[in-house]
N, C-alpha and C. Protein backbone atom coordinates (compact mmCIF):
# COMPACT_ATOMS: atom_id res chain seq x y z
N MET A 1 0.84 -1.31 -0.17
CA MET A 1 0.15 0.09 0.37
C MET A 1 0.62 0.89 0.22
N SER A 2 0.37 1.60 -0.96
CA SER A 2 1.41 3.37 -0.82
C SER A 2 1.36 4.80 0.43
N THR A 3 2.18 5.10 0.21
CA THR A 3 2.16 5.77 1.42
C THR A 3 0.80 7.17 1.65
N LYS A 4 0.99 7.58 0.01
CA LYS A 4 -0.58 8.20 -0.24
C LYS A 4 -1.70 7.65 0.30
N SER A 5 -2.00 6.55 0.11
CA SER A 5 -3.13 5.93 0.44
C SER A 5 -3.71 5.81 2.12
N LYS A 6 -2.17 5.32 2.68
CA LYS A 6 -2.52 5.00 4.03
C LYS A 6 -3.12 6.86 4.23
N SER A 7 -2.12 7.43 4.04
CA SER A 7 -2.25 8.98 4.64
C SER A 7 -3.92 9.23 4.34
N LYS A 8 -4.70 9.05 3.28
CA LYS A 8 -6.27 9.07 3.28
C LYS A 8 -6.38 8.42 3.86
N ARG A 9 -6.37 7.27 4.06
CA ARG A 9 -7.50 6.73 5.24
C ARG A 9 -6.96 6.93 6.38
N ASN A 10 -5.90 8.00 7.16
CA ASN A 10 -5.47 7.69 8.49
C ASN A 10 -6.71 8.83 8.81
N ASP A 11 -6.67 9.87 7.46
CA ASP A 11 -7.54 11.48 7.43
C ASP A 11 -8.80 10.97 7.65
N ARG A 12 -9.32 9.80 7.09
CA ARG A 12 -10.73 9.51 6.87
C ARG A 12 -11.21 9.04 8.22
N SER A 13 -10.12 8.13 8.90
CA SER A 13 -10.30 7.67 10.44
C SER A 13 -10.80 8.91 11.24
N LYS A 14 -9.53 10.06 11.12
CA LYS A 14 -9.54 10.65 11.89
C LYS A 14 -10.92 11.65 11.60
N LYS A 15 -11.21 11.99 10.67
CA LYS A 15 -12.64 12.95 10.42
C LYS A 15 -13.86 11.70 11.02
N GLY A 16 -13.63 10.41 11.05
CA GLY A 16 -14.64 9.77 11.49
C GLY A 16 -14.61 9.55 13.18
N ALA A 17 -13.43 9.67 13.59
CA ALA A 17 -13.30 9.78 14.90
C ALA A 17 -13.76 10.90 15.56
N VAL A 18 -13.62 12.04 15.27
CA VAL A 18 -14.03 13.57 15.71
C VAL A 18 -15.78 13.50 15.47
N SER A 19 -16.26 13.02 14.17
CA SER A 19 -17.64 12.88 14.01
C SER A 19 -18.39 11.90 15.45
N ARG A 20 -17.45 11.06 15.66
CA ARG A 20 -17.90 9.99 16.58
C ARG A 20 -18.12 10.51 17.87
N ARG A 21 -16.98 11.38 18.61
CA ARG A 21 -17.06 12.00 19.77
C ARG A 21 -17.97 13.23 19.82
N MET A 22 -18.35 13.73 18.68
CA MET A 22 -19.34 15.04 18.60
C MET A 22 -20.52 14.54 18.58
N ALA A 23 -21.03 12.95 18.36
CA ALA A 23 -21.88 12.75 17.97
C ALA A 23 -22.27 12.24 19.62
N SER A 24 -21.26 11.64 20.23
CA SER A 24 -21.75 10.97 21.53
C SER A 24 -22.22 12.26 22.90
N VAL A 25 -21.69 13.52 22.27
CA VAL A 25 -21.84 14.73 23.69
C VAL A 25 -23.44 15.03 24.08
N SER A 26 -23.38 14.65 25.10
CA SER A 26 -24.86 14.13 25.65
C SER A 26 -25.63 15.44 25.58
N HIS A 27 -26.97 15.43 25.49
CA HIS A 27 -27.93 16.52 25.20
C HIS A 27 -27.73 17.64 26.70
N ALA A 28 -26.86 16.82 27.67
CA ALA A 28 -27.06 17.79 29.11
C ALA A 28 -25.75 18.28 29.15
N GLY A 29 -24.79 17.80 27.64
CA GLY A 29 -23.35 18.56 27.92
C GLY A 29 -23.37 19.39 27.28
N ALA A 30 -24.14 19.51 25.95
CA ALA A 30 -25.10 20.45 25.22
C ALA A 30 -25.89 21.52 25.85
N ALA A 31 -26.66 20.71 26.73
CA ALA A 31 -27.06 22.31 27.50
C ALA A 31 -26.41 22.97 28.34
N ALA A 32 -25.38 22.68 28.97
CA ALA A 32 -24.44 23.04 30.07
C ALA A 32 -23.54 23.90 28.98
N SER A 33 -23.08 23.57 27.97
CA SER A 33 -22.25 24.33 27.32
C SER A 33 -23.19 25.39 26.95
N ILE A 34 -24.47 25.09 26.28
CA ILE A 34 -25.22 26.67 26.04
C ILE A 34 -25.16 27.46 27.21
N MET A 35 -25.79 27.08 28.18
CA MET A 35 -26.02 28.04 29.32
C MET A 35 -24.23 28.02 29.76
N SER A 36 -23.30 28.03 29.72
CA SER A 36 -22.14 28.24 29.86
C SER A 36 -22.15 29.95 28.90
N MET A 37 -22.35 29.49 27.84
CA MET A 37 -22.21 30.58 26.61
C MET A 37 -23.45 31.86 26.82
N LEU A 38 -24.65 31.52 27.42
CA LEU A 38 -25.13 32.32 27.88
C LEU A 38 -25.15 33.10 29.37
N GLY A 39 -24.20 32.14 30.18
CA GLY A 39 -23.45 33.18 30.90
C GLY A 39 -22.49 34.27 30.71
N HIS A 40 -21.79 33.78 29.86
CA HIS A 40 -20.84 34.81 29.01
C HIS A 40 -21.15 35.62 28.46
N HIS A 41 -22.42 35.56 27.89
CA HIS A 41 -23.29 37.09 26.82
C HIS A 41 -23.73 37.77 28.39
N ALA A 42 -24.15 36.88 29.22
CA ALA A 42 -24.62 37.84 30.39
C ALA A 42 -23.54 38.77 31.33
N VAL A 43 -22.30 38.63 31.27
CA VAL A 43 -21.28 39.27 31.62
C VAL A 43 -21.06 40.37 30.73
N ILE A 44 -21.19 40.12 29.47
CA ILE A 44 -20.65 41.45 28.66
C ILE A 44 -21.96 41.64 28.64
N GLU A 45 -23.37 41.66 29.01
CA GLU A 45 -23.91 42.98 28.70
C GLU A 45 -24.10 43.17 30.29
N ALA A 46 -23.68 42.77 31.21
CA ALA A 46 -23.78 43.69 32.75
C ALA A 46 -22.43 44.62 32.42
N GLY A 47 -21.42 44.18 31.51
CA GLY A 47 -20.49 44.93 31.43
C GLY A 47 -20.61 46.74 30.53
N PHE A 48 -22.09 46.23 29.83
CA PHE A 48 -22.65 47.57 29.20
C PHE A 48 -23.09 48.24 30.10
N ALA A 49 -23.75 47.35 31.21
CA ALA A 49 -24.49 48.40 32.38
C ALA A 49 -23.60 49.43 33.24
N GLU A 50 -22.74 49.24 32.72
CA GLU A 50 -21.44 49.97 33.96
C GLU A 50 -20.97 51.44 33.37
N PRO A 51 -20.74 52.25 34.24
CA PRO A 51 -20.64 53.49 33.58
C PRO A 51 -19.16 53.55 32.90
N ILE A 52 -19.39 54.30 31.81
CA ILE A 52 -18.10 54.77 31.15
C ILE A 52 -16.99 54.70 32.03
N SER A 53 -15.62 54.14 31.45
CA SER A 53 -14.42 54.51 32.58
C SER A 53 -13.85 55.87 32.35
N GLU A 54 -13.18 56.40 33.94
CA GLU A 54 -13.16 57.56 33.66
C GLU A 54 -11.82 58.00 32.27
N LEU A 55 -10.43 56.49 32.29
CA LEU A 55 -9.61 56.74 31.15
C LEU A 55 -10.25 56.89 29.98
N LEU A 56 -11.39 56.41 29.91
CA LEU A 56 -12.42 56.20 28.21
C LEU A 56 -12.56 57.51 28.15
N ARG A 57 -12.94 58.28 29.73
CA ARG A 57 -14.08 59.55 29.18
C ARG A 57 -12.64 60.60 29.24
N ILE A 58 -11.35 60.90 29.69
CA ILE A 58 -9.99 61.40 29.93
C ILE A 58 -10.05 61.27 28.11
N GLU A 59 -9.51 60.03 27.23
CA GLU A 59 -8.85 60.05 26.37
C GLU A 59 -10.20 60.45 24.95
N ARG A 60 -10.89 60.38 25.45
CA ARG A 60 -12.25 60.84 24.35
C ARG A 60 -11.72 62.49 24.72
N GLY A 61 -12.13 63.38 25.70
CA GLY A 61 -12.00 64.51 26.06
C GLY A 61 -10.45 65.40 25.36
N ILE A 62 -9.73 64.63 25.88
CA ILE A 62 -8.54 65.13 25.06
C ILE A 62 -8.62 64.73 24.04
N LYS A 63 -8.71 63.96 23.02
CA LYS A 63 -8.86 63.90 21.61
C LYS A 63 -9.87 65.12 21.23
N ASN A 64 -10.98 65.37 21.25
CA ASN A 64 -11.91 66.38 21.22
C ASN A 64 -11.65 67.84 21.11
N TRP A 65 -10.57 67.96 22.66
CA TRP A 65 -10.44 68.81 22.45
C TRP A 65 -9.04 69.77 22.22
N MET A 66 -8.50 68.62 21.78
CA MET A 66 -7.45 68.93 20.60
C MET A 66 -7.71 69.13 19.43
N ALA A 67 -8.56 68.50 19.22
CA ALA A 67 -9.18 68.82 17.78
C ALA A 67 -9.41 70.31 17.21
N LEU A 68 -10.52 70.88 18.22
CA LEU A 68 -10.96 71.98 18.43
C LEU A 68 -9.51 72.93 17.94
N HIS A 69 -8.31 72.42 19.49
CA HIS A 69 -7.63 73.74 19.46
C HIS A 69 -6.71 73.76 17.99
N LEU A 70 -6.47 72.70 17.51
CA LEU A 70 -5.38 72.25 16.21
C LEU A 70 -6.27 72.91 14.91
N ILE A 71 -7.62 72.59 14.97
CA ILE A 71 -8.65 73.94 14.03
C ILE A 71 -8.34 75.42 14.29
N LYS A 72 -8.29 75.78 15.09
CA LYS A 72 -8.52 77.15 16.18
C LYS A 72 -7.26 77.91 15.80
N THR A 73 -6.20 76.92 15.54
CA THR A 73 -4.75 77.74 15.88
C THR A 73 -3.36 77.57 14.92
N SER A 74 -4.33 75.95 14.03
CA SER A 74 -2.97 75.45 12.81
C SER A 74 -3.51 75.69 11.55
N SER A 75 -2.16 75.76 10.95
CA SER A 75 -2.64 76.22 9.26
C SER A 75 -2.87 74.52 8.19
N ALA A 76 -1.99 73.47 9.00
CA ALA A 76 -2.47 72.26 8.90
C ALA A 76 -3.29 71.57 8.75
N VAL A 77 -4.67 72.14 8.89
CA VAL A 77 -5.61 71.28 9.40
C VAL A 77 -6.32 70.39 8.08
N THR A 78 -6.84 69.14 8.20
CA THR A 78 -7.04 68.25 7.22
C THR A 78 -8.41 67.19 8.04
N GLU A 79 -8.61 66.65 6.95
CA GLU A 79 -10.02 66.01 7.12
C GLU A 79 -10.34 65.43 8.49
N TYR A 80 -8.55 64.52 8.79
CA TYR A 80 -8.41 63.94 10.11
C TYR A 80 -8.76 64.72 10.86
N THR A 81 -8.24 66.39 10.80
CA THR A 81 -8.61 67.14 12.58
C THR A 81 -9.81 67.16 12.40
N TRP A 82 -10.65 66.97 11.65
CA TRP A 82 -11.93 66.85 12.09
C TRP A 82 -12.78 66.06 12.32
N MET A 83 -12.58 64.99 12.36
CA MET A 83 -12.99 63.40 12.90
C MET A 83 -13.40 63.58 14.01
N PRO A 84 -12.42 63.74 14.64
CA PRO A 84 -13.13 63.83 16.20
C PRO A 84 -14.34 64.56 16.62
N LEU A 85 -14.16 65.93 16.03
CA LEU A 85 -15.47 66.65 16.28
C LEU A 85 -16.51 66.26 16.00
N CYS A 86 -16.45 65.38 14.59
CA CYS A 86 -17.43 65.47 14.09
C CYS A 86 -18.06 64.12 14.59
N GLU A 87 -17.28 63.12 14.88
CA GLU A 87 -17.91 62.22 15.81
C GLU A 87 -18.48 62.64 16.95
N ALA A 88 -17.63 63.27 18.08
CA ALA A 88 -18.21 63.89 19.31
C ALA A 88 -19.83 64.35 19.14
N VAL A 89 -19.68 65.43 18.18
CA VAL A 89 -20.82 66.05 17.68
C VAL A 89 -21.69 65.05 17.51
N ASN A 90 -21.60 64.26 16.60
CA ASN A 90 -22.54 63.04 16.17
C ASN A 90 -23.12 62.27 17.32
N ILE A 91 -22.20 61.25 18.16
CA ILE A 91 -22.65 60.46 18.86
C ILE A 91 -23.31 61.19 20.01
N GLY A 92 -22.98 62.67 20.59
CA GLY A 92 -23.46 63.50 21.03
C GLY A 92 -24.79 63.69 21.03
N MET A 93 -25.06 64.10 19.68
CA MET A 93 -26.59 64.20 19.13
C MET A 93 -27.43 62.94 19.18
N ILE A 94 -26.92 61.51 18.99
CA ILE A 94 -27.37 60.63 19.23
C ILE A 94 -27.77 60.32 20.50
N LEU A 95 -26.73 60.54 21.49
CA LEU A 95 -27.00 60.70 22.67
C LEU A 95 -28.18 61.52 23.15
N SER A 96 -28.39 62.31 22.78
CA SER A 96 -29.31 63.63 23.20
C SER A 96 -30.61 62.81 22.99
N GLU A 97 -30.97 62.49 21.57
CA GLU A 97 -32.00 61.86 21.24
C GLU A 97 -32.50 60.89 21.92
N ARG A 98 -31.65 60.29 22.59
CA ARG A 98 -32.44 58.80 23.28
C ARG A 98 -31.84 59.37 24.98
N GLY A 99 -32.42 60.31 25.18
CA GLY A 99 -32.63 60.91 26.59
C GLY A 99 -31.36 61.72 27.69
N ILE A 100 -30.42 61.37 26.76
CA ILE A 100 -29.11 61.84 27.91
C ILE A 100 -28.53 63.10 27.44
N GLY A 101 -29.14 64.33 28.22
CA GLY A 101 -28.80 65.64 27.55
C GLY A 101 -29.91 66.25 26.80
N ALA A 102 -31.17 65.56 26.74
CA ALA A 102 -32.25 65.77 25.59
C ALA A 102 -32.13 67.21 25.61
N GLU A 103 -31.98 67.96 26.16
CA GLU A 103 -32.23 69.51 26.39
C GLU A 103 -31.36 70.18 25.75
N TYR A 104 -30.19 69.56 24.67
CA TYR A 104 -29.09 70.15 24.43
C TYR A 104 -29.04 69.90 22.80
N GLU A 105 -30.00 68.94 22.22
CA GLU A 105 -30.25 68.25 20.83
C GLU A 105 -29.72 69.45 19.99
N ALA A 106 -30.16 70.58 20.23
CA ALA A 106 -30.39 72.05 19.44
C ALA A 106 -29.50 72.17 19.65
N SER A 107 -27.92 71.99 20.33
CA SER A 107 -26.91 72.65 20.74
C SER A 107 -25.72 71.42 19.67
N PHE A 108 -26.11 70.45 19.50
CA PHE A 108 -25.55 69.73 18.30
C PHE A 108 -25.82 69.66 17.40
N LEU A 109 -26.99 70.36 17.30
CA LEU A 109 -27.68 70.46 16.03
C LEU A 109 -26.87 71.50 15.25
N ALA A 110 -26.70 72.56 15.78
CA ALA A 110 -26.19 74.14 15.90
C ALA A 110 -24.18 73.87 15.16
N ALA A 111 -23.71 72.55 16.11
CA ALA A 111 -22.45 72.18 16.07
C ALA A 111 -22.39 71.44 14.66
N GLN A 112 -23.11 71.13 14.29
CA GLN A 112 -23.14 70.20 13.19
C GLN A 112 -23.22 71.00 11.89
N GLU A 113 -23.91 72.29 12.18
CA GLU A 113 -24.07 73.08 11.20
C GLU A 113 -23.07 73.90 10.92
N ALA A 114 -22.27 74.70 11.91
CA ALA A 114 -21.25 75.01 12.03
C ALA A 114 -19.92 74.24 11.59
N ILE A 115 -20.12 73.20 11.67
CA ILE A 115 -18.87 71.97 10.73
C ILE A 115 -19.34 71.82 9.28
N THR A 116 -20.79 72.26 8.89
CA THR A 116 -20.97 72.28 7.46
C THR A 116 -20.51 73.68 6.94
N ARG A 117 -20.91 74.69 7.98
CA ARG A 117 -20.41 75.87 7.40
C ARG A 117 -19.04 75.84 6.81
N ALA A 118 -18.42 75.47 7.84
CA ALA A 118 -16.68 75.65 7.61
C ALA A 118 -16.38 74.88 6.32
N TRP A 119 -16.70 73.85 6.13
CA TRP A 119 -16.32 72.87 5.05
C TRP A 119 -16.82 73.22 4.02
N THR A 120 -18.44 74.08 3.86
CA THR A 120 -18.78 74.34 2.03
C THR A 120 -17.37 75.97 2.51
N ARG A 121 -17.20 76.76 3.62
CA ARG A 121 -16.29 78.06 3.07
C ARG A 121 -14.47 77.37 2.49
N SER A 122 -14.15 76.18 2.96
CA SER A 122 -12.87 75.79 2.79
C SER A 122 -12.89 75.17 0.99
N GLY A 123 -13.82 75.44 0.63
CA GLY A 123 -14.12 74.81 -0.87
C GLY A 123 -13.82 76.36 -1.48
N GLN A 124 -14.41 77.31 -0.85
CA GLN A 124 -14.19 78.28 -1.67
C GLN A 124 -12.56 79.00 -1.24
N HIS A 125 -11.66 78.73 -0.15
CA HIS A 125 -10.85 79.34 0.73
C HIS A 125 -10.00 78.23 0.66
N GLY A 126 -9.67 77.02 0.60
CA GLY A 126 -9.15 75.81 0.59
C GLY A 126 -8.37 75.22 2.02
N ILE A 127 -8.92 75.70 3.19
CA ILE A 127 -9.23 75.85 4.11
C ILE A 127 -10.38 75.48 5.03
N ALA A 128 -10.54 74.83 5.85
CA ALA A 128 -11.92 74.69 6.35
C ALA A 128 -11.42 75.68 8.19
N ARG A 129 -12.22 76.39 8.23
CA ARG A 129 -11.94 77.30 9.28
C ARG A 129 -13.25 77.19 10.02
N LEU A 130 -13.70 77.49 11.55
CA LEU A 130 -14.74 77.72 11.92
C LEU A 130 -14.78 79.06 12.01
N ASP A 131 -16.14 79.70 11.97
CA ASP A 131 -16.24 81.21 12.03
C ASP A 131 -16.54 81.51 13.93
N GLY A 132 -16.76 82.45 14.32
CA GLY A 132 -16.84 82.63 15.78
C GLY A 132 -17.65 82.26 16.56
N ALA A 133 -19.02 82.62 15.44
CA ALA A 133 -20.32 81.29 16.12
C ALA A 133 -19.80 79.69 16.34
N GLY A 134 -19.60 79.47 14.90
CA GLY A 134 -19.10 77.94 15.21
C GLY A 134 -17.95 77.80 16.05
N MET A 135 -17.63 78.30 16.54
CA MET A 135 -16.06 78.07 17.83
C MET A 135 -16.76 77.55 18.96
N SER A 136 -18.02 78.91 19.32
CA SER A 136 -18.55 78.82 20.46
C SER A 136 -19.76 77.38 20.53
N GLU A 137 -20.51 77.47 19.16
CA GLU A 137 -21.20 75.92 19.16
C GLU A 137 -20.53 74.70 19.46
N ILE A 138 -19.40 74.57 18.57
CA ILE A 138 -19.10 73.55 18.83
C ILE A 138 -18.19 73.09 20.56
N ALA A 139 -17.31 74.32 20.98
CA ALA A 139 -16.92 74.00 22.19
C ALA A 139 -18.40 74.08 23.28
N LEU A 140 -19.57 74.18 23.25
CA LEU A 140 -20.85 74.15 23.86
C LEU A 140 -20.85 72.71 24.03
N ALA A 141 -21.08 72.28 22.63
CA ALA A 141 -21.14 70.27 22.18
C ALA A 141 -20.50 69.75 22.95
N LEU A 142 -19.11 70.26 22.62
CA LEU A 142 -18.25 69.48 23.61
C LEU A 142 -18.31 69.33 24.85
N GLU A 143 -18.73 70.25 25.47
CA GLU A 143 -18.76 70.53 26.99
C GLU A 143 -19.88 69.62 27.47
N VAL A 144 -21.27 69.48 26.78
CA VAL A 144 -21.88 68.60 26.81
C VAL A 144 -21.87 67.03 26.56
N HIS A 145 -21.17 67.11 25.47
CA HIS A 145 -20.76 65.90 25.32
C HIS A 145 -19.90 65.03 26.55
N ASP A 146 -19.02 65.78 26.84
CA ASP A 146 -18.11 65.31 28.00
C ASP A 146 -19.06 65.21 29.26
N GLY A 147 -20.05 66.03 29.49
CA GLY A 147 -21.41 65.65 30.82
C GLY A 147 -22.05 64.26 30.28
N GLN A 148 -21.93 64.09 29.08
CA GLN A 148 -22.92 62.82 28.41
C GLN A 148 -21.88 61.50 28.75
N LEU A 149 -20.64 61.60 28.76
CA LEU A 149 -19.72 60.89 28.97
C LEU A 149 -19.99 60.24 30.12
N GLU A 150 -20.20 61.45 31.15
CA GLU A 150 -19.92 61.12 32.62
C GLU A 150 -21.69 60.05 32.97
N LEU A 151 -22.48 60.50 32.33
CA LEU A 151 -24.00 60.32 32.57
C LEU A 151 -24.04 58.89 31.91
N ALA A 152 -23.47 58.77 31.05
CA ALA A 152 -24.09 57.29 29.78
C ALA A 152 -23.24 56.02 30.54
N MET A 153 -24.11 54.72 30.34
CA MET A 153 -23.62 53.87 30.40
C MET A 153 -22.62 52.86 29.25
N ARG A 154 -21.79 52.43 29.69
CA ARG A 154 -20.78 51.89 28.38
C ARG A 154 -22.03 51.01 27.16
N GLY A 155 -23.06 50.51 27.57
CA GLY A 155 -23.16 50.22 26.27
C GLY A 155 -24.38 51.35 25.74
N GLN A 156 -25.05 52.13 26.40
CA GLN A 156 -25.74 53.37 25.47
C GLN A 156 -24.63 54.12 24.54
N LEU A 157 -23.34 54.22 24.96
CA LEU A 157 -22.31 54.84 24.16
C LEU A 157 -22.29 53.52 23.17
N ALA A 158 -21.94 52.41 23.21
CA ALA A 158 -21.63 51.59 21.76
C ALA A 158 -22.85 51.77 21.25
N ALA A 159 -23.91 51.72 21.65
CA ALA A 159 -25.40 51.39 20.79
C ALA A 159 -25.16 53.14 19.71
N ALA A 160 -25.42 53.79 20.41
CA ALA A 160 -24.68 55.48 20.17
C ALA A 160 -23.98 55.42 18.37
N ASP A 161 -23.13 54.60 19.02
CA ASP A 161 -21.82 54.51 18.00
C ASP A 161 -22.14 53.55 16.68
N SER A 162 -22.84 52.65 17.39
CA SER A 162 -23.59 51.98 16.25
C SER A 162 -24.33 52.68 15.45
N GLU A 163 -25.21 53.30 15.90
CA GLU A 163 -26.17 54.27 15.31
C GLU A 163 -25.50 55.21 14.24
N MET A 164 -24.61 55.76 14.60
CA MET A 164 -23.42 57.16 14.00
C MET A 164 -23.51 55.85 12.89
N ARG A 165 -22.86 54.49 12.73
CA ARG A 165 -22.21 54.12 11.98
C ARG A 165 -23.28 53.46 10.89
N ARG A 166 -24.27 53.16 11.22
CA ARG A 166 -25.70 53.13 10.60
C ARG A 166 -26.24 54.13 9.81
N ARG A 167 -26.38 55.15 10.41
CA ARG A 167 -26.39 56.35 9.99
C ARG A 167 -25.80 56.62 8.40
N SER A 168 -24.39 56.64 8.85
CA SER A 168 -23.40 56.73 8.03
C SER A 168 -23.58 55.82 7.06
N ALA A 169 -23.34 54.28 6.84
CA ALA A 169 -23.46 53.85 6.04
C ALA A 169 -24.66 53.86 5.28
N LYS A 170 -26.17 54.16 5.47
CA LYS A 170 -27.04 54.61 4.95
C LYS A 170 -27.16 56.19 4.00
N GLY A 171 -25.98 56.82 4.09
CA GLY A 171 -26.01 57.69 3.44
C GLY A 171 -26.30 59.15 4.44
N ASN A 172 -26.77 59.05 5.69
CA ASN A 172 -27.46 59.97 6.49
C ASN A 172 -26.52 60.77 7.08
N VAL A 173 -25.20 61.41 5.63
CA VAL A 173 -24.49 62.15 6.99
C VAL A 173 -23.87 63.64 5.83
N VAL A 174 -23.31 64.17 6.13
CA VAL A 174 -22.97 65.57 5.68
C VAL A 174 -21.96 65.12 4.25
N ARG A 175 -22.35 65.24 3.12
CA ARG A 175 -20.91 64.96 2.28
C ARG A 175 -20.21 66.03 1.80
N VAL A 176 -19.34 66.18 2.61
CA VAL A 176 -17.89 67.56 2.28
C VAL A 176 -17.79 67.81 0.58
N GLU A 177 -17.32 66.85 0.31
CA GLU A 177 -16.73 66.45 -1.45
C GLU A 177 -18.23 67.40 -2.45
N GLU A 178 -19.54 67.02 -1.93
CA GLU A 178 -20.33 67.37 -2.82
C GLU A 178 -20.86 68.71 -2.36
N GLN A 179 -20.57 69.13 -0.88
CA GLN A 179 -20.34 70.80 -0.99
C GLN A 179 -19.70 71.58 -1.36
N ARG A 180 -18.48 70.70 -1.36
CA ARG A 180 -17.32 71.46 -2.28
C ARG A 180 -17.57 71.97 -3.30
N LYS A 181 -18.00 71.18 -4.38
CA LYS A 181 -18.37 71.21 -5.38
C LYS A 181 -19.85 72.14 -5.99
N ALA A 182 -20.81 71.86 -4.60
CA ALA A 182 -22.22 72.89 -4.76
C ALA A 182 -21.58 74.33 -4.87
N ALA A 183 -20.49 74.78 -3.80
CA ALA A 183 -19.76 76.07 -3.51
C ALA A 183 -19.27 77.27 -4.69
């Protein structure tokens, strides 16, 4: 018998042994395995019911406020400089829609409009800059968002982030390139 045919036979016998072992798993064992997975899922969900960690709040705050500072003071502003601000404003809007800082929903809308104005002007002048009102509107939105992060649970923040990405995928976003062409 050739080495090749022995190898094929060994592979088939290994597959058969695995199938026999899997078939011999008792229903009780399968139920215990499922309960273990459900327990693990419950632990994950319980983690989502915890407050957002102080470290995450600090990291997001630094990222957001640094982006605003760079936009105010730097001449090397790119789309990537704007991303943290856009994300903070959009997530803040969704959290306010869901009741966390609901009274500030108009502030987030004003901040979104300020970003839109800046990008519209960038098509005319080559650089995206906030106007005076825009700086104030963005700063207020960031202050409120910082407060939202203190109140929100991890699951609420994760859900808002998912919703922001879902809306973006559906095209429910301001398209900077289209605005530049229209200007």
